[in-house]
């Protein structure tokens, strides 16, 4: 069962959504649902990437600059 909510969109975004809705024969609600799902998938991927890299050694900004200088990048 779907939940109903009120959202406030920038007028230009709303217009673009309406046009895309007509062009793709997809409701504005479904377009918003698709966008939110994509955003949540991206967040999940980011969290997974952070977890995978959690054990990597941390490099301070100072150490990074020294390394760049050592390798001729600065």
C-alpha atoms as a PDB file:
ATOM      1  CA  UNK A   1       0.000   0.000   0.000  1.00  0.00           C
ATOM      2  CA  UNK A   2       1.379   3.390  -0.971  1.00  0.00           C
ATOM      3  CA  UNK A   3       1.709   6.283   1.464  1.00  0.00           C
ATOM      4  CA  UNK A   4       0.631   9.763   0.533  1.00  0.00           C
ATOM      5  CA  UNK A   5       2.837  12.749   1.316  1.00  0.00           C
ATOM      6  CA  UNK A   6       3.226  16.367   0.340  1.00  0.00           C
ATOM      7  CA  UNK A   7       6.488  17.553  -1.127  1.00  0.00           C
ATOM      8  CA  UNK A   8       7.466  20.989  -2.316  1.00  0.00           C
ATOM      9  CA  UNK A   9       9.438  21.189  -5.554  1.00  0.00           C
ATOM     10  CA  UNK A  10      11.200  23.994  -7.284  1.00  0.00           C
ATOM     11  CA  UNK A  11       8.820  25.088 -10.070  1.00  0.00           C
ATOM     12  CA  UNK A  12      11.368  24.284 -12.797  1.00  0.00           C
ATOM     13  CA  UNK A  13      11.885  20.771 -11.397  1.00  0.00           C
ATOM     14  CA  UNK A  14       8.136  20.241 -11.201  1.00  0.00           C
ATOM     15  CA  UNK A  15       7.740  21.339 -14.814  1.00  0.00           C
ATOM     16  CA  UNK A  16      10.564  19.012 -15.896  1.00  0.00           C
ATOM     17  CA  UNK A  17       8.986  16.118 -14.002  1.00  0.00           C
ATOM     18  CA  UNK A  18       5.609  16.729 -15.630  1.00  0.00           C
ATOM     19  CA  UNK A  19       7.178  16.813 -19.099  1.00  0.00           C
ATOM     20  CA  UNK A  20       9.197  13.655 -18.429  1.00  0.00           C
ATOM     21  CA  UNK A  21       6.078  12.018 -17.042  1.00  0.00           C
ATOM     22  CA  UNK A  22       4.196  12.713 -20.252  1.00  0.00           C
ATOM     23  CA  UNK A  23       7.103  11.691 -22.486  1.00  0.00           C
ATOM     24  CA  UNK A  24       7.735   8.399 -20.660  1.00  0.00           C
ATOM     25  CA  UNK A  25       4.095   7.669 -19.787  1.00  0.00           C
ATOM     26  CA  UNK A  26       5.207   7.313 -16.166  1.00  0.00           C
ATOM     27  CA  UNK A  27       3.501   9.064 -13.279  1.00  0.00           C
ATOM     28  CA  UNK A  28       5.286  11.848 -11.435  1.00  0.00           C
ATOM     29  CA  UNK A  29       4.978   9.720  -8.293  1.00  0.00           C
ATOM     30  CA  UNK A  30       6.760   6.801  -9.953  1.00  0.00           C
ATOM     31  CA  UNK A  31       9.513   9.082 -11.260  1.00  0.00           C
ATOM     32  CA  UNK A  32      10.058  10.407  -7.730  1.00  0.00           C
ATOM     33  CA  UNK A  33      10.011   6.858  -6.317  1.00  0.00           C
ATOM     34  CA  UNK A  34      12.631   5.816  -8.886  1.00  0.00           C
ATOM     35  CA  UNK A  35      14.824   8.803  -8.011  1.00  0.00           C
ATOM     36  CA  UNK A  36      14.603   8.122  -4.269  1.00  0.00           C
ATOM     37  CA  UNK A  37      15.394   4.424  -4.786  1.00  0.00           C
ATOM     38  CA  UNK A  38      18.461   5.372  -6.843  1.00  0.00           C
ATOM     39  CA  UNK A  39      19.613   7.822  -4.182  1.00  0.00           C
ATOM     40  CA  UNK A  40      19.245   5.189  -1.456  1.00  0.00           C
ATOM     41  CA  UNK A  41      21.161   2.616  -3.560  1.00  0.00           C
ATOM     42  CA  UNK A  42      23.975   5.135  -3.989  1.00  0.00           C
ATOM     43  CA  UNK A  43      24.036   5.740  -0.229  1.00  0.00           C
ATOM     44  CA  UNK A  44      24.219   1.987   0.338  1.00  0.00           C
ATOM     45  CA  UNK A  45      27.150   1.720  -2.080  1.00  0.00           C
ATOM     46  CA  UNK A  46      28.937   4.586  -0.314  1.00  0.00           C
ATOM     47  CA  UNK A  47      28.445   2.975   3.101  1.00  0.00           C
ATOM     48  CA  UNK A  48      29.737  -0.344   1.767  1.00  0.00           C
ATOM     49  CA  UNK A  49      32.817   1.382   0.298  1.00  0.00           C
ATOM     50  CA  UNK A  50      33.543   3.119   3.618  1.00  0.00           C
ATOM     51  CA  UNK A  51      33.211  -0.189   5.471  1.00  0.00           C
ATOM     52  CA  UNK A  52      35.555  -1.928   3.034  1.00  0.00           C
ATOM     53  CA  UNK A  53      38.175   0.796   3.490  1.00  0.00           C
ATOM     54  CA  UNK A  54      37.805   1.131   7.275  1.00  0.00           C
ATOM     55  CA  UNK A  55      40.918  -0.971   7.931  1.00  0.00           C
ATOM     56  CA  UNK A  56      43.124   1.036   5.571  1.00  0.00           C
ATOM     57  CA  UNK A  57      45.781   3.165   7.236  1.00  0.00           C
ATOM     58  CA  UNK A  58      44.933   6.837   7.512  1.00  0.00           C
ATOM     59  CA  UNK A  59      47.175   9.442   5.974  1.00  0.00           C
ATOM     60  CA  UNK A  60      47.340  12.912   7.485  1.00  0.00           C
ATOM     61  CA  UNK A  61      47.180  15.943   5.241  1.00  0.00           C
ATOM     62  CA  UNK A  62      50.763  16.818   6.185  1.00  0.00           C
ATOM     63  CA  UNK A  63      51.968  13.321   5.273  1.00  0.00           C
ATOM     64  CA  UNK A  64      50.071  13.518   1.995  1.00  0.00           C
ATOM     65  CA  UNK A  65      51.777  16.793   1.077  1.00  0.00           C
ATOM     66  CA  UNK A  66      55.196  15.340   1.942  1.00  0.00           C
ATOM     67  CA  UNK A  67      54.476  12.285  -0.207  1.00  0.00           C
ATOM     68  CA  UNK A  68      53.364  14.441  -3.151  1.00  0.00           C
ATOM     69  CA  UNK A  69      56.513  16.546  -2.833  1.00  0.00           C
ATOM     70  CA  UNK A  70      58.692  13.413  -2.567  1.00  0.00           C
ATOM     71  CA  UNK A  71      57.220  12.081  -5.823  1.00  0.00           C
ATOM     72  CA  UNK A  72      57.510  15.396  -7.659  1.00  0.00           C
ATOM     73  CA  UNK A  73      53.816  16.159  -7.815  1.00  0.00           C
ATOM     74  CA  UNK A  74      54.283  19.487  -5.979  1.00  0.00           C
END
